[in-house]
Amino acid sequence: MSKKETKTETEEIKKEETVEVKEDTEATKTEGEVEETSEATEATEDSEEEASKAPTKKDPKDEKIAELTDRVQRQMAEFDNFRKRTEKEKSAMFEMGASDIIKKLLPVIDNFERGFKSVSEEELETPFAKGMDMVYKQFIKLLEDSDVKPIEAEGKEFNPDLHNAVMHVDDDSVGENIVVEEFEKGYTYRDTVIRHSMVKVAN
């Protein structure tokens, strides 16, 4: 083998070794870059977690808006409750007032009915009696329009919720606990008793 060939081979071996060293260096650099990148990513994630855990400072304006909104909502709810309560009280007061007036009118109706019972058939045909009958019928119509109804008593079974028994009689011709006579007519106002019927009960 000549000196030239030996020199050439030596140079080629050195070139190959140089290439291998370069490749090793580049591989080492790549691994280092990957490690640095992963460390940077982990640091970023840690900082984000810390930022999310840290208490967020609210804007004073937002806090004031939330406070005022809550106050307005509470006041609106209180006003709505007050309105409903007031309407209910007004309705109850109206019912009480109407009931009191009707109770005061009932004795007038009673006197009309007693007066007609004491008048003969001939006297009922007089102009005066006819005029009084018209007034009486107007009263009855007024009560009906106001949802006032008379309580049925005579011939009905005694009901303590509707009738007030002031007398008792033994009578085999009628059933047990039956109203045989009505002394004073009772009335209901909107299905509420405003005056019980005063009655006589048999057996």
Protein backbone atom coordinates (compact mmCIF):
# COMPACT_ATOMS: atom_id res chain seq x y z
CA MET A 1 0.00 0.00 0.00
CA SER A 2 1.35 3.41 -0.94
CA LYS A 3 1.67 6.44 1.29
CA LYS A 4 -0.97 8.31 -0.72
CA GLU A 5 -3.58 5.63 -0.19
CA THR A 6 -2.79 5.45 3.52
CA LYS A 7 -3.15 9.20 3.81
CA THR A 8 -6.47 9.12 1.97
CA GLU A 9 -7.88 6.44 4.23
CA THR A 10 -6.71 8.34 7.28
CA GLU A 11 -8.46 11.49 6.09
CA GLU A 12 -11.68 9.59 5.41
CA ILE A 13 -11.63 8.06 8.90
CA LYS A 14 -11.15 11.52 10.42
CA LYS A 15 -14.05 12.85 8.37
CA GLU A 16 -16.29 10.03 9.55
CA GLU A 17 -15.30 10.65 13.17
CA THR A 18 -16.00 14.35 12.72
CA VAL A 19 -19.47 13.62 11.30
CA GLU A 20 -20.24 11.27 14.20
CA VAL A 21 -19.13 13.88 16.74
CA LYS A 22 -21.34 16.48 15.05
CA GLU A 23 -24.32 14.12 15.09
CA ASP A 24 -23.76 13.33 18.76
CA THR A 25 -23.54 17.03 19.52
CA GLU A 26 -26.74 17.81 17.62
CA ALA A 27 -28.57 14.92 19.35
CA THR A 28 -27.38 16.22 22.71
CA LYS A 29 -28.56 19.71 21.83
CA THR A 30 -31.97 18.42 20.72
CA GLU A 31 -32.44 16.50 23.96
CA GLY A 32 -31.47 19.58 25.96
CA GLU A 33 -33.92 21.74 24.02
CA VAL A 34 -36.72 19.23 24.64
CA GLU A 35 -35.98 19.21 28.35
CA GLU A 36 -35.87 23.01 28.45
CA THR A 37 -39.20 23.20 26.54
CA SER A 38 -40.90 20.73 28.89
CA GLU A 39 -39.57 22.61 31.92
CA ALA A 40 -40.88 25.89 30.49
CA THR A 41 -44.28 24.31 29.83
CA GLU A 42 -44.46 22.96 33.39
CA ALA A 43 -43.51 26.36 34.78
CA THR A 44 -46.26 28.01 32.69
CA GLU A 45 -48.86 25.49 33.90
CA ASP A 46 -47.80 26.01 37.52
CA SER A 47 -48.09 29.77 37.16
CA GLU A 48 -51.56 29.40 35.61
CA GLU A 49 -52.69 27.15 38.47
CA GLU A 50 -51.37 29.63 41.01
CA ALA A 51 -53.14 32.46 39.19
CA SER A 52 -56.44 30.53 39.18
CA LYS A 53 -56.10 29.71 42.88
CA ALA A 54 -55.29 33.28 43.79
CA PRO A 55 -58.42 35.28 44.83
CA THR A 56 -59.74 37.48 42.03
CA LYS A 57 -60.05 41.07 43.11
CA LYS A 58 -63.53 42.41 42.31
CA ASP A 59 -64.10 45.83 40.89
CA PRO A 60 -65.71 48.14 43.52
CA LYS A 61 -68.17 49.30 40.87
CA ASP A 62 -69.34 45.73 40.24
CA GLU A 63 -69.76 45.15 43.97
CA LYS A 64 -71.81 48.35 44.29
CA ILE A 65 -73.99 47.37 41.32
CA ALA A 66 -74.62 43.91 42.81
CA GLU A 67 -75.50 45.47 46.17
CA LEU A 68 -77.93 47.99 44.64
CA THR A 69 -79.50 45.30 42.42
CA ASP A 70 -80.09 43.05 45.44
CA ARG A 71 -81.61 45.96 47.38
CA VAL A 72 -83.97 46.87 44.53
CA GLN A 73 -85.10 43.25 44.15
CA ARG A 74 -85.80 43.00 47.88
CA GLN A 75 -87.79 46.24 47.86
CA MET A 76 -89.81 45.09 44.84
CA ALA A 77 -90.63 41.80 46.61
CA GLU A 78 -91.65 43.68 49.77
CA PHE A 79 -93.83 46.06 47.77
CA ASP A 80 -95.51 43.16 45.96
CA ASN A 81 -96.24 41.46 49.30
CA PHE A 82 -97.57 44.75 50.69
CA ARG A 83 -99.84 45.22 47.66
CA LYS A 84 -101.26 41.70 47.95
CA ARG A 85 -101.76 42.09 51.70
CA THR A 86 -103.48 45.46 51.21
CA GLU A 87 -105.83 44.08 48.56
CA LYS A 88 -106.73 41.17 50.83
CA GLU A 89 -107.39 43.52 53.74
CA LYS A 90 -109.51 45.80 51.53
CA SER A 91 -111.57 42.84 50.36
CA ALA A 92 -112.05 41.63 53.93
CA MET A 93 -113.06 45.12 55.08
CA PHE A 94 -115.55 45.42 52.22
CA GLU A 95 -117.08 42.05 53.09
CA MET A 96 -117.36 43.05 56.74
CA GLY A 97 -118.93 46.40 55.85
CA ALA A 98 -121.43 44.83 53.43
CA SER A 99 -122.32 42.16 55.99
CA ASP A 100 -122.97 44.78 58.68
CA ILE A 101 -125.24 46.81 56.39
CA ILE A 102 -127.20 43.71 55.35
CA LYS A 103 -127.69 42.74 58.99
CA LYS A 104 -129.17 46.20 59.65
CA LEU A 105 -131.53 45.84 56.68
CA LEU A 106 -132.87 42.43 57.69
CA PRO A 107 -135.11 43.76 60.52
CA VAL A 108 -136.74 46.07 57.96
CA ILE A 109 -137.55 43.04 55.79
CA ASP A 110 -138.90 41.25 58.86
CA ASN A 111 -141.27 44.14 59.63
CA PHE A 112 -142.54 44.18 56.04
CA GLU A 113 -143.32 40.47 56.21
CA ARG A 114 -145.01 40.74 59.61
CA GLY A 115 -147.07 43.65 58.35
CA PHE A 116 -148.28 41.73 55.29
CA LYS A 117 -149.30 38.78 57.48
CA SER A 118 -151.54 41.00 59.55
CA VAL A 119 -153.25 42.59 56.54
CA SER A 120 -156.42 41.05 55.12
CA GLU A 121 -156.87 40.09 51.48
CA GLU A 122 -159.07 43.12 50.83
CA GLU A 123 -156.57 45.53 52.39
CA LEU A 124 -153.81 44.10 50.22
CA GLU A 125 -155.66 45.44 47.17
CA THR A 126 -155.54 49.04 48.41
CA PRO A 127 -153.09 51.49 46.76
CA PHE A 128 -151.18 51.88 50.04
CA ALA A 129 -150.66 48.12 50.46
CA LYS A 130 -149.65 47.76 46.82
CA GLY A 131 -147.11 50.57 47.22
CA MET A 132 -145.63 48.89 50.32
CA ASP A 133 -145.51 45.59 48.45
CA MET A 134 -143.48 47.25 45.68
CA VAL A 135 -141.00 48.65 48.24
CA TYR A 136 -140.74 45.21 49.84
CA LYS A 137 -140.03 43.57 46.48
CA GLN A 138 -137.34 46.17 45.76
CA PHE A 139 -135.66 45.26 49.04
CA ILE A 140 -135.76 41.57 48.18
CA LYS A 141 -134.33 42.25 44.70
CA LEU A 142 -131.54 44.32 46.26
CA LEU A 143 -130.63 41.46 48.58
CA GLU A 144 -130.65 38.92 45.74
CA ASP A 145 -128.38 41.12 43.63
CA SER A 146 -126.00 41.35 46.60
CA ASP A 147 -125.85 37.53 46.79
CA VAL A 148 -127.98 37.40 49.94
CA LYS A 149 -130.19 34.30 50.11
CA PRO A 150 -132.81 33.19 52.65
CA ILE A 151 -132.14 29.94 54.51
CA GLU A 152 -134.70 27.20 53.95
CA ALA A 153 -135.94 25.98 57.33
CA GLU A 154 -139.54 24.79 57.65
CA GLY A 155 -139.90 21.12 56.73
CA LYS A 156 -136.12 20.66 56.56
CA GLU A 157 -133.92 18.66 58.88
CA PHE A 158 -132.43 20.72 61.67
CA ASN A 159 -128.90 21.93 60.91
CA PRO A 160 -127.07 23.71 63.76
CA ASP A 161 -124.90 25.50 61.18
CA LEU A 162 -127.99 27.15 59.69
CA HIS A 163 -130.73 26.98 62.33
CA ASN A 164 -131.11 28.16 65.89
CA ALA A 165 -133.61 25.97 67.78
CA VAL A 166 -135.51 28.00 70.39
CA MET A 167 -138.38 25.52 70.91
CA HIS A 168 -138.89 21.75 70.88
CA VAL A 169 -142.11 19.87 70.35
CA ASP A 170 -143.15 16.20 70.19
CA ASP A 171 -145.08 15.54 67.03
CA ASP A 172 -145.58 12.03 65.64
CA SER A 173 -146.82 13.38 62.32
CA VAL A 174 -143.35 14.57 61.32
CA GLY A 175 -139.96 12.92 61.29
CA GLU A 176 -137.26 13.20 63.90
CA ASN A 177 -135.25 16.40 64.16
CA ILE A 178 -137.43 18.23 61.63
CA VAL A 179 -138.09 21.99 61.69
CA VAL A 180 -141.85 22.49 62.06
CA GLU A 181 -142.00 26.27 62.42
CA GLU A 182 -139.84 29.27 61.60
CA PHE A 183 -140.02 32.30 63.89
CA GLU A 184 -137.40 34.41 62.19
CA LYS A 185 -135.93 33.89 58.74
CA GLY A 186 -132.19 33.36 58.43
CA TYR A 187 -129.95 34.58 55.62
CA THR A 188 -126.58 33.81 54.05
CA TYR A 189 -124.27 36.30 52.37
CA ARG A 190 -121.99 34.71 49.77
CA ASP A 191 -122.48 31.29 51.35
CA THR A 192 -121.67 32.65 54.83
CA VAL A 193 -124.41 32.71 57.45
CA ILE A 194 -125.08 36.27 58.60
CA ARG A 195 -128.18 35.33 60.61
CA HIS A 196 -129.38 31.90 61.71
CA SER A 197 -133.01 30.89 61.31
CA MET A 198 -134.91 30.92 64.60
CA VAL A 199 -136.98 27.71 64.55
CA LYS A 200 -139.07 25.14 66.41
CA VAL A 201 -137.85 21.54 66.12
CA ALA A 202 -139.96 18.38 66.45
CA ASN A 203 -138.95 15.14 68.21
